[in-house]
């Protein structure tokens, strides 16, 4: 006589396991990916800046060490010569600059520009480089008017040097695009000197008096 067989005890668990899997799948589908917050981004930027700063500090330390090595290896006589070499620190438009009628044959006025370069001890210094000059008139009515612009190369600058009993300096003559009678009592002059070799730029601006009859 055969006894009836009981169903496997594992089978009733299958539906329960399936239900659990469905719940887990639904939960996983509903999970959101967390985006980096602004605080996380800020910390990343700070870390990157710290790394960059550390690298720059290392490079700076290396450069300082190299400079010290070169300074120690330099001949003391050369250091003395370097300290004694005059260096241009100022290039001003002289108050003796003026507008006159040197080009009266063309009916136009001329700017006689005088420049006085000085070193760190206030002494006159000859210069090498290019000079740009702009002359602007500001009439009583209306806007500014460009009267002239000129560019002098290093050779022209050298030729402009003048020396005499009254002192030394550079003199440039620049014709203006205006008749004397049409000028105000003063015009604005701008000079930009670019030193050869170093590339340093020296800028000055000053009013220059119109010393001719008929100036308005």
Foldseek 3Di string as FASTA:
>chain_A
DDDDDDPDPCVVCVVVVVVVVVVVVVVVVPDDDDDDDPVNVVVVVVVVVVVVVVVVVVVVVVVVVVVVVVVVPDDPVVVVVVVPDWDWDAKEWDLPWEWDCPVVVVQFIKTKTWIFIATPVRDGDQAFFKKKKWKWAQDPDDGIDTFDIDMDHRVRQVVQWDQDPVGITGIDIGTTNDGQLAGAQWIKMKMWTQGPPVRDIHIYIDIHGHPDPNHD
